[in-house]
Amino acid sequence: MANISARSSIVKNAQEVCNEGIQDLNRTASHLQRCYLDAGQSWKDSKYAQLGGIVHECSTALRHPINELVDCLKKLKDLETALLEYESTNL
């Protein structure tokens, strides 16, 4: 079997990447919704309503991976805990 190396610092970095991804997805979905609402100040017709459905679908799609990233964060935290325990063991 290949020699595999893992360090808690690498896992911590992966957690930061997941957190940044969650923030970016939320920020983008919120920005899209705000832009749509801002356009509604002067544009209220059937096409605006149609666009609303599309914006809602896009926002939902942007937020969909967040649950998977949260699950990933939980697993990374468990891995980090195990690695820290291993790293603190004196052999």
PDB file of N, CA and C in Angstrom:
ATOM      1  N   MET A   1       0.834  -1.173   0.000  1.00  0.00           N
ATOM      2  CA  MET A   1       0.000   0.000   0.000  1.00  0.00           C
ATOM      3  C   MET A   1       0.889   1.251   0.000  1.00  0.00           C
ATOM      4  N   ALA A   2       0.454   2.293  -0.661  1.00  0.00           N
ATOM      5  CA  ALA A   2       1.213   3.530  -0.748  1.00  0.00           C
ATOM      6  C   ALA A   2       1.288   4.198   0.614  1.00  0.00           C
ATOM      7  N   ASN A   3       2.371   4.909   0.846  1.00  0.00           N
ATOM      8  CA  ASN A   3       2.539   5.650   2.081  1.00  0.00           C
ATOM      9  C   ASN A   3       1.701   6.926   1.992  1.00  0.00           C
ATOM     10  N   ILE A   4       0.768   7.088   2.897  1.00  0.00           N
ATOM     11  CA  ILE A   4      -0.142   8.232   2.872  1.00  0.00           C
ATOM     12  C   ILE A   4       0.188   9.134   4.047  1.00  0.00           C
ATOM     13  N   SER A   5       0.267  10.415   3.790  1.00  0.00           N
ATOM     14  CA  SER A   5       0.577  11.380   4.836  1.00  0.00           C
ATOM     15  C   SER A   5      -0.580  12.364   4.960  1.00  0.00           C
ATOM     16  N   ALA A   6      -1.012  12.596   6.190  1.00  0.00           N
ATOM     17  CA  ALA A   6      -2.065  13.580   6.441  1.00  0.00           C
ATOM     18  C   ALA A   6      -1.663  14.392   7.662  1.00  0.00           C
ATOM     19  N   ARG A   7      -1.928  15.667   7.614  1.00  0.00           N
ATOM     20  CA  ARG A   7      -1.619  16.542   8.742  1.00  0.00           C
ATOM     21  C   ARG A   7      -2.855  17.351   9.081  1.00  0.00           C
ATOM     22  N   SER A   8      -2.991  17.670  10.350  1.00  0.00           N
ATOM     23  CA  SER A   8      -4.154  18.435  10.789  1.00  0.00           C
ATOM     24  C   SER A   8      -4.190  19.818  10.142  1.00  0.00           C
ATOM     25  N   SER A   9      -3.027  20.385   9.819  1.00  0.00           N
ATOM     26  CA  SER A   9      -2.997  21.701   9.176  1.00  0.00           C
ATOM     27  C   SER A   9      -3.629  21.657   7.782  1.00  0.00           C
ATOM     28  N   ILE A  10      -3.438  20.559   7.076  1.00  0.00           N
ATOM     29  CA  ILE A  10      -4.041  20.406   5.750  1.00  0.00           C
ATOM     30  C   ILE A  10      -5.554  20.280   5.874  1.00  0.00           C
ATOM     31  N   VAL A  11      -5.989  19.541   6.882  1.00  0.00           N
ATOM     32  CA  VAL A  11      -7.430  19.375   7.107  1.00  0.00           C
ATOM     33  C   VAL A  11      -8.036  20.714   7.499  1.00  0.00           C
ATOM     34  N   LYS A  12      -7.339  21.492   8.312  1.00  0.00           N
ATOM     35  CA  LYS A  12      -7.821  22.818   8.714  1.00  0.00           C
ATOM     36  C   LYS A  12      -7.979  23.713   7.489  1.00  0.00           C
ATOM     37  N   ASN A  13      -7.022  23.631   6.570  1.00  0.00           N
ATOM     38  CA  ASN A  13      -7.087  24.395   5.333  1.00  0.00           C
ATOM     39  C   ASN A  13      -8.309  23.987   4.521  1.00  0.00           C
ATOM     40  N   ALA A  14      -8.602  22.702   4.454  1.00  0.00           N
ATOM     41  CA  ALA A  14      -9.775  22.219   3.722  1.00  0.00           C
ATOM     42  C   ALA A  14     -11.063  22.740   4.358  1.00  0.00           C
ATOM     43  N   GLN A  15     -11.075  22.834   5.685  1.00  0.00           N
ATOM     44  CA  GLN A  15     -12.247  23.382   6.373  1.00  0.00           C
ATOM     45  C   GLN A  15     -12.455  24.844   5.993  1.00  0.00           C
ATOM     46  N   GLU A  16     -11.370  25.593   5.919  1.00  0.00           N
ATOM     47  CA  GLU A  16     -11.459  27.001   5.531  1.00  0.00           C
ATOM     48  C   GLU A  16     -11.991  27.144   4.107  1.00  0.00           C
ATOM     49  N   VAL A  17     -11.549  26.273   3.217  1.00  0.00           N
ATOM     50  CA  VAL A  17     -12.023  26.306   1.828  1.00  0.00           C
ATOM     51  C   VAL A  17     -13.527  26.027   1.784  1.00  0.00           C
ATOM     52  N   CYS A  18     -13.982  25.051   2.551  1.00  0.00           N
ATOM     53  CA  CYS A  18     -15.419  24.738   2.600  1.00  0.00           C
ATOM     54  C   CYS A  18     -16.207  25.927   3.135  1.00  0.00           C
ATOM     55  N   ASN A  19     -15.722  26.537   4.208  1.00  0.00           N
ATOM     56  CA  ASN A  19     -16.409  27.701   4.782  1.00  0.00           C
ATOM     57  C   ASN A  19     -16.471  28.856   3.791  1.00  0.00           C
ATOM     58  N   GLU A  20     -15.381  29.086   3.082  1.00  0.00           N
ATOM     59  CA  GLU A  20     -15.373  30.150   2.070  1.00  0.00           C
ATOM     60  C   GLU A  20     -16.362  29.832   0.947  1.00  0.00           C
ATOM     61  N   GLY A  21     -16.438  28.577   0.556  1.00  0.00           N
ATOM     62  CA  GLY A  21     -17.392  28.176  -0.474  1.00  0.00           C
ATOM     63  C   GLY A  21     -18.831  28.418  -0.035  1.00  0.00           C
ATOM     64  N   ILE A  22     -19.136  28.082   1.201  1.00  0.00           N
ATOM     65  CA  ILE A  22     -20.482  28.309   1.745  1.00  0.00           C
ATOM     66  C   ILE A  22     -20.806  29.796   1.732  1.00  0.00           C
ATOM     67  N   GLN A  23     -19.866  30.604   2.195  1.00  0.00           N
ATOM     68  CA  GLN A  23     -20.086  32.055   2.218  1.00  0.00           C
ATOM     69  C   GLN A  23     -20.259  32.614   0.814  1.00  0.00           C
ATOM     70  N   ASP A  24     -19.438  32.166  -0.124  1.00  0.00           N
ATOM     71  CA  ASP A  24     -19.533  32.650  -1.501  1.00  0.00           C
ATOM     72  C   ASP A  24     -20.867  32.281  -2.143  1.00  0.00           C
ATOM     73  N   LEU A  25     -21.311  31.046  -1.932  1.00  0.00           N
ATOM     74  CA  LEU A  25     -22.584  30.619  -2.510  1.00  0.00           C
ATOM     75  C   LEU A  25     -23.743  31.417  -1.921  1.00  0.00           C
ATOM     76  N   ASN A  26     -23.745  31.609  -0.612  1.00  0.00           N
ATOM     77  CA  ASN A  26     -24.800  32.411   0.020  1.00  0.00           C
ATOM     78  C   ASN A  26     -24.767  33.853  -0.457  1.00  0.00           C
ATOM     79  N   ARG A  27     -23.565  34.414  -0.524  1.00  0.00           N
ATOM     80  CA  ARG A  27     -23.420  35.809  -0.954  1.00  0.00           C
ATOM     81  C   ARG A  27     -23.895  35.996  -2.400  1.00  0.00           C
ATOM     82  N   THR A  28     -23.544  35.073  -3.268  1.00  0.00           N
ATOM     83  CA  THR A  28     -23.944  35.169  -4.673  1.00  0.00           C
ATOM     84  C   THR A  28     -25.452  35.030  -4.836  1.00  0.00           C
ATOM     85  N   ALA A  29     -26.050  34.078  -4.132  1.00  0.00           N
ATOM     86  CA  ALA A  29     -27.504  33.888  -4.209  1.00  0.00           C
ATOM     87  C   ALA A  29     -28.237  35.122  -3.680  1.00  0.00           C
ATOM     88  N   SER A  30     -27.746  35.678  -2.591  1.00  0.00           N
ATOM     89  CA  SER A  30     -28.371  36.882  -2.027  1.00  0.00           C
ATOM     90  C   SER A  30     -28.220  38.072  -2.958  1.00  0.00           C
ATOM     91  N   HIS A  31     -27.048  38.213  -3.568  1.00  0.00           N
ATOM     92  CA  HIS A  31     -26.815  39.322  -4.495  1.00  0.00           C
ATOM     93  C   HIS A  31     -27.746  39.214  -5.711  1.00  0.00           C
ATOM     94  N   LEU A  32     -27.904  38.020  -6.225  1.00  0.00           N
ATOM     95  CA  LEU A  32     -28.801  37.798  -7.355  1.00  0.00           C
ATOM     96  C   LEU A  32     -30.234  38.207  -6.997  1.00  0.00           C
ATOM     97  N   GLN A  33     -30.672  37.811  -5.811  1.00  0.00           N
ATOM     98  CA  GLN A  33     -32.026  38.155  -5.357  1.00  0.00           C
ATOM     99  C   GLN A  33     -32.175  39.667  -5.179  1.00  0.00           C
ATOM    100  N   ARG A  34     -31.158  40.328  -4.607  1.00  0.00           N
ATOM    101  CA  ARG A  34     -31.211  41.781  -4.423  1.00  0.00           C
ATOM    102  C   ARG A  34     -31.281  42.504  -5.763  1.00  0.00           C
ATOM    103  N   CYS A  35     -30.492  42.035  -6.727  1.00  0.00           N
ATOM    104  CA  CYS A  35     -30.514  42.659  -8.061  1.00  0.00           C
ATOM    105  C   CYS A  35     -31.899  42.533  -8.689  1.00  0.00           C
ATOM    106  N   TYR A  36     -32.517  41.379  -8.518  1.00  0.00           N
ATOM    107  CA  TYR A  36     -33.865  41.173  -9.048  1.00  0.00           C
ATOM    108  C   TYR A  36     -34.846  42.130  -8.378  1.00  0.00           C
ATOM    109  N   LEU A  37     -34.763  42.229  -7.053  1.00  0.00           N
ATOM    110  CA  LEU A  37     -35.681  43.119  -6.334  1.00  0.00           C
ATOM    111  C   LEU A  37     -35.446  44.574  -6.707  1.00  0.00           C
ATOM    112  N   ASP A  38     -34.192  44.957  -6.895  1.00  0.00           N
ATOM    113  CA  ASP A  38     -33.886  46.330  -7.323  1.00  0.00           C
ATOM    114  C   ASP A  38     -34.485  46.623  -8.695  1.00  0.00           C
ATOM    115  N   ALA A  39     -34.429  45.655  -9.592  1.00  0.00           N
ATOM    116  CA  ALA A  39     -35.004  45.834 -10.928  1.00  0.00           C
ATOM    117  C   ALA A  39     -36.517  46.010 -10.834  1.00  0.00           C
ATOM    118  N   GLY A  40     -37.115  45.439  -9.807  1.00  0.00           N
ATOM    119  CA  GLY A  40     -38.562  45.538  -9.628  1.00  0.00           C
ATOM    120  C   GLY A  40     -39.041  46.930  -9.252  1.00  0.00           C
ATOM    121  N   GLN A  41     -38.130  47.819  -8.897  1.00  0.00           N
ATOM    122  CA  GLN A  41     -38.518  49.194  -8.576  1.00  0.00           C
ATOM    123  C   GLN A  41     -39.133  49.897  -9.779  1.00  0.00           C
ATOM    124  N   SER A  42     -38.641  49.526 -10.968  1.00  0.00           N
ATOM    125  CA  SER A  42     -39.135  50.205 -12.169  1.00  0.00           C
ATOM    126  C   SER A  42     -39.680  49.231 -13.212  1.00  0.00           C
ATOM    127  N   TRP A  43     -39.616  47.968 -12.936  1.00  0.00           N
ATOM    128  CA  TRP A  43     -39.992  46.982 -13.943  1.00  0.00           C
ATOM    129  C   TRP A  43     -40.929  45.963 -13.314  1.00  0.00           C
ATOM    130  N   LYS A  44     -42.217  46.119 -13.560  1.00  0.00           N
ATOM    131  CA  LYS A  44     -43.207  45.197 -12.982  1.00  0.00           C
ATOM    132  C   LYS A  44     -44.196  44.799 -14.074  1.00  0.00           C
ATOM    133  N   ASP A  45     -43.873  43.751 -14.800  1.00  0.00           N
ATOM    134  CA  ASP A  45     -44.785  43.213 -15.791  1.00  0.00           C
ATOM    135  C   ASP A  45     -44.644  41.697 -15.800  1.00  0.00           C
ATOM    136  N   SER A  46     -45.243  41.045 -16.781  1.00  0.00           N
ATOM    137  CA  SER A  46     -45.214  39.582 -16.810  1.00  0.00           C
ATOM    138  C   SER A  46     -43.791  39.039 -17.004  1.00  0.00           C
ATOM    139  N   LYS A  47     -42.963  39.769 -17.726  1.00  0.00           N
ATOM    140  CA  LYS A  47     -41.579  39.327 -17.933  1.00  0.00           C
ATOM    141  C   LYS A  47     -40.783  39.413 -16.623  1.00  0.00           C
ATOM    142  N   TYR A  48     -41.084  40.429 -15.804  1.00  0.00           N
ATOM    143  CA  TYR A  48     -40.434  40.550 -14.503  1.00  0.00           C
ATOM    144  C   TYR A  48     -40.833  39.372 -13.615  1.00  0.00           C
ATOM    145  N   ALA A  49     -42.091  39.007 -13.641  1.00  0.00           N
ATOM    146  CA  ALA A  49     -42.561  37.859 -12.872  1.00  0.00           C
ATOM    147  C   ALA A  49     -41.901  36.571 -13.374  1.00  0.00           C
ATOM    148  N   GLN A  50     -41.767  36.442 -14.668  1.00  0.00           N
ATOM    149  CA  GLN A  50     -41.111  35.271 -15.254  1.00  0.00           C
ATOM    150  C   GLN A  50     -39.644  35.211 -14.813  1.00  0.00           C
ATOM    151  N   LEU A  51     -38.999  36.352 -14.832  1.00  0.00           N
ATOM    152  CA  LEU A  51     -37.617  36.427 -14.373  1.00  0.00           C
ATOM    153  C   LEU A  51     -37.518  36.038 -12.897  1.00  0.00           C
ATOM    154  N   GLY A  52     -38.513  36.389 -12.118  1.00  0.00           N
ATOM    155  CA  GLY A  52     -38.525  36.032 -10.703  1.00  0.00           C
ATOM    156  C   GLY A  52     -38.436  34.524 -10.493  1.00  0.00           C
ATOM    157  N   GLY A  53     -39.148  33.776 -11.320  1.00  0.00           N
ATOM    158  CA  GLY A  53     -39.078  32.319 -11.226  1.00  0.00           C
ATOM    159  C   GLY A  53     -37.692  31.793 -11.554  1.00  0.00           C
ATOM    160  N   ILE A  54     -37.085  32.389 -12.550  1.00  0.00           N
ATOM    161  CA  ILE A  54     -35.738  31.978 -12.948  1.00  0.00           C
ATOM    162  C   ILE A  54     -34.731  32.328 -11.856  1.00  0.00           C
ATOM    163  N   VAL A  55     -34.856  33.520 -11.289  1.00  0.00           N
ATOM    164  CA  VAL A  55     -33.948  33.940 -10.218  1.00  0.00           C
ATOM    165  C   VAL A  55     -34.099  33.017  -9.014  1.00  0.00           C
ATOM    166  N   HIS A  56     -35.333  32.646  -8.693  1.00  0.00           N
ATOM    167  CA  HIS A  56     -35.570  31.729  -7.572  1.00  0.00           C
ATOM    168  C   HIS A  56     -34.903  30.374  -7.830  1.00  0.00           C
ATOM    169  N   GLU A  57     -35.067  29.851  -9.034  1.00  0.00           N
ATOM    170  CA  GLU A  57     -34.425  28.571  -9.387  1.00  0.00           C
ATOM    171  C   GLU A  57     -32.902  28.670  -9.287  1.00  0.00           C
ATOM    172  N   CYS A  58     -32.354  29.766  -9.760  1.00  0.00           N
ATOM    173  CA  CYS A  58     -30.901  29.954  -9.704  1.00  0.00           C
ATOM    174  C   CYS A  58     -30.414  30.058  -8.258  1.00  0.00           C
ATOM    175  N   SER A  59     -31.122  30.813  -7.441  1.00  0.00           N
ATOM    176  CA  SER A  59     -30.744  30.954  -6.035  1.00  0.00           C
ATOM    177  C   SER A  59     -30.797  29.613  -5.319  1.00  0.00           C
ATOM    178  N   THR A  60     -31.832  28.839  -5.596  1.00  0.00           N
ATOM    179  CA  THR A  60     -31.960  27.511  -4.999  1.00  0.00           C
ATOM    180  C   THR A  60     -30.815  26.616  -5.442  1.00  0.00           C
ATOM    181  N   ALA A  61     -30.481  26.661  -6.726  1.00  0.00           N
ATOM    182  CA  ALA A  61     -29.390  25.842  -7.251  1.00  0.00           C
ATOM    183  C   ALA A  61     -28.045  26.261  -6.642  1.00  0.00           C
ATOM    184  N   LEU A  62     -27.845  27.549  -6.444  1.00  0.00           N
ATOM    185  CA  LEU A  62     -26.605  28.019  -5.839  1.00  0.00           C
ATOM    186  C   LEU A  62     -26.475  27.546  -4.396  1.00  0.00           C
ATOM    187  N   ARG A  63     -27.585  27.488  -3.692  1.00  0.00           N
ATOM    188  CA  ARG A  63     -27.554  27.097  -2.278  1.00  0.00           C
ATOM    189  C   ARG A  63     -27.576  25.579  -2.074  1.00  0.00           C
ATOM    190  N   HIS A  64     -27.891  24.834  -3.102  1.00  0.00           N
ATOM    191  CA  HIS A  64     -27.995  23.377  -2.975  1.00  0.00           C
ATOM    192  C   HIS A  64     -26.702  22.719  -2.465  1.00  0.00           C
ATOM    193  N   PRO A  65     -25.534  23.087  -2.959  1.00  0.00           N
ATOM    194  CA  PRO A  65     -24.305  22.429  -2.495  1.00  0.00           C
ATOM    195  C   PRO A  65     -23.932  22.759  -1.047  1.00  0.00           C
ATOM    196  N   ILE A  66     -24.579  23.737  -0.451  1.00  0.00           N
ATOM    197  CA  ILE A  66     -24.223  24.143   0.909  1.00  0.00           C
ATOM    198  C   ILE A  66     -24.399  22.993   1.892  1.00  0.00           C
ATOM    199  N   ASN A  67     -25.476  22.238   1.783  1.00  0.00           N
ATOM    200  CA  ASN A  67     -25.685  21.109   2.691  1.00  0.00           C
ATOM    201  C   ASN A  67     -24.564  20.083   2.564  1.00  0.00           C
ATOM    202  N   GLU A  68     -24.116  19.847   1.348  1.00  0.00           N
ATOM    203  CA  GLU A  68     -23.014  18.908   1.137  1.00  0.00           C
ATOM    204  C   GLU A  68     -21.718  19.447   1.736  1.00  0.00           C
ATOM    205  N   LEU A  69     -21.495  20.744   1.623  1.00  0.00           N
ATOM    206  CA  LEU A  69     -20.297  21.339   2.213  1.00  0.00           C
ATOM    207  C   LEU A  69     -20.354  21.294   3.744  1.00  0.00           C
ATOM    208  N   VAL A  70     -21.537  21.474   4.308  1.00  0.00           N
ATOM    209  CA  VAL A  70     -21.696  21.371   5.765  1.00  0.00           C
ATOM    210  C   VAL A  70     -21.391  19.943   6.212  1.00  0.00           C
ATOM    211  N   ASP A  71     -21.891  18.950   5.481  1.00  0.00           N
ATOM    212  CA  ASP A  71     -21.574  17.551   5.800  1.00  0.00           C
ATOM    213  C   ASP A  71     -20.071  17.306   5.692  1.00  0.00           C
ATOM    214  N   CYS A  72     -19.457  17.867   4.684  1.00  0.00           N
ATOM    215  CA  CYS A  72     -18.013  17.732   4.493  1.00  0.00           C
ATOM    216  C   CYS A  72     -17.265  18.347   5.682  1.00  0.00           C
ATOM    217  N   LEU A  73     -17.733  19.500   6.147  1.00  0.00           N
ATOM    218  CA  LEU A  73     -17.105  20.144   7.295  1.00  0.00           C
ATOM    219  C   LEU A  73     -17.155  19.254   8.536  1.00  0.00           C
ATOM    220  N   LYS A  74     -18.284  18.587   8.751  1.00  0.00           N
ATOM    221  CA  LYS A  74     -18.420  17.684   9.902  1.00  0.00           C
ATOM    222  C   LYS A  74     -17.405  16.549   9.806  1.00  0.00           C
ATOM    223  N   LYS A  75     -17.267  15.978   8.619  1.00  0.00           N
ATOM    224  CA  LYS A  75     -16.315  14.880   8.431  1.00  0.00           C
ATOM    225  C   LYS A  75     -14.877  15.363   8.577  1.00  0.00           C
ATOM    226  N   LEU A  76     -14.593  16.547   8.075  1.00  0.00           N
ATOM    227  CA  LEU A  76     -13.256  17.106   8.230  1.00  0.00           C
ATOM    228  C   LEU A  76     -12.940  17.384   9.699  1.00  0.00           C
ATOM    229  N   LYS A  77     -13.923  17.828  10.457  1.00  0.00           N
ATOM    230  CA  LYS A  77     -13.720  18.077  11.888  1.00  0.00           C
ATOM    231  C   LYS A  77     -13.399  16.766  12.607  1.00  0.00           C
ATOM    232  N   ASP A  78     -14.118  15.699  12.264  1.00  0.00           N
ATOM    233  CA  ASP A  78     -13.838  14.389  12.858  1.00  0.00           C
ATOM    234  C   ASP A  78     -12.425  13.927  12.494  1.00  0.00           C
ATOM    235  N   LEU A  79     -12.043  14.142  11.237  1.00  0.00           N
ATOM    236  CA  LEU A  79     -10.703  13.763  10.796  1.00  0.00           C
ATOM    237  C   LEU A  79      -9.646  14.591  11.515  1.00  0.00           C
ATOM    238  N   GLU A  80      -9.906  15.869  11.660  1.00  0.00           N
ATOM    239  CA  GLU A  80      -8.965  16.741  12.359  1.00  0.00           C
ATOM    240  C   GLU A  80      -8.778  16.284  13.809  1.00  0.00           C
ATOM    241  N   THR A  81      -9.866  15.958  14.472  1.00  0.00           N
ATOM    242  CA  THR A  81      -9.797  15.480  15.852  1.00  0.00           C
ATOM    243  C   THR A  81      -8.947  14.215  15.939  1.00  0.00           C
ATOM    244  N   ALA A  82      -9.171  13.276  15.024  1.00  0.00           N
ATOM    245  CA  ALA A  82      -8.409  12.030  15.024  1.00  0.00           C
ATOM    246  C   ALA A  82      -6.932  12.293  14.739  1.00  0.00           C
ATOM    247  N   LEU A  83      -6.645  13.192  13.803  1.00  0.00           N
ATOM    248  CA  LEU A  83      -5.253  13.502  13.482  1.00  0.00           C
ATOM    249  C   LEU A  83      -4.550  14.200  14.639  1.00  0.00           C
ATOM    250  N   LEU A  84      -5.237  15.126  15.300  1.00  0.00           N
ATOM    251  CA  LEU A  84      -4.645  15.810  16.449  1.00  0.00           C
ATOM    252  C   LEU A  84      -4.346  14.811  17.564  1.00  0.00           C
ATOM    253  N   GLU A  85      -5.253  13.879  17.765  1.00  0.00           N
ATOM    254  CA  GLU A  85      -5.024  12.851  18.771  1.00  0.00           C
ATOM    255  C   GLU A  85      -3.807  12.001  18.397  1.00  0.00           C
ATOM    256  N   TYR A  86      -3.734  11.637  17.139  1.00  0.00           N
ATOM    257  CA  TYR A  86      -2.600  10.830  16.652  1.00  0.00           C
ATOM    258  C   TYR A  86      -1.287  11.605  16.778  1.00  0.00           C
ATOM    259  N   GLU A  87      -1.324  12.903  16.372  1.00  0.00           N
ATOM    260  CA  GLU A  87      -0.125  13.717  16.416  1.00  0.00           C
ATOM    261  C   GLU A  87       0.371  13.949  17.837  1.00  0.00           C
ATOM    262  N   SER A  88      -0.523  13.912  18.810  1.00  0.00           N
ATOM    263  CA  SER A  88      -0.130  14.150  20.197  1.00  0.00           C
ATOM    264  C   SER A  88       0.355  12.870  20.894  1.00  0.00           C
ATOM    265  N   THR A  89       0.240  11.740  20.207  1.00  0.00           N
ATOM    266  CA  THR A  89       0.672  10.470  20.782  1.00  0.00           C
ATOM    267  C   THR A  89       2.178  10.316  20.604  1.00  0.00           C
ATOM    268  N   ASN A  90       2.848  10.033  21.693  1.00  0.00           N
ATOM    269  CA  ASN A  90       4.300   9.818  21.640  1.00  0.00           C
ATOM    270  C   ASN A  90       4.550   8.330  21.515  1.00  0.00           C
ATOM    271  N   LEU A  91       5.145   7.945  20.408  1.00  0.00           N
ATOM    272  CA  LEU A  91       5.464   6.533  20.208  1.00  0.00           C
ATOM    273  C   LEU A  91       6.899   6.231  20.534  1.00  0.00           C
TER     274      LEU A  91
END
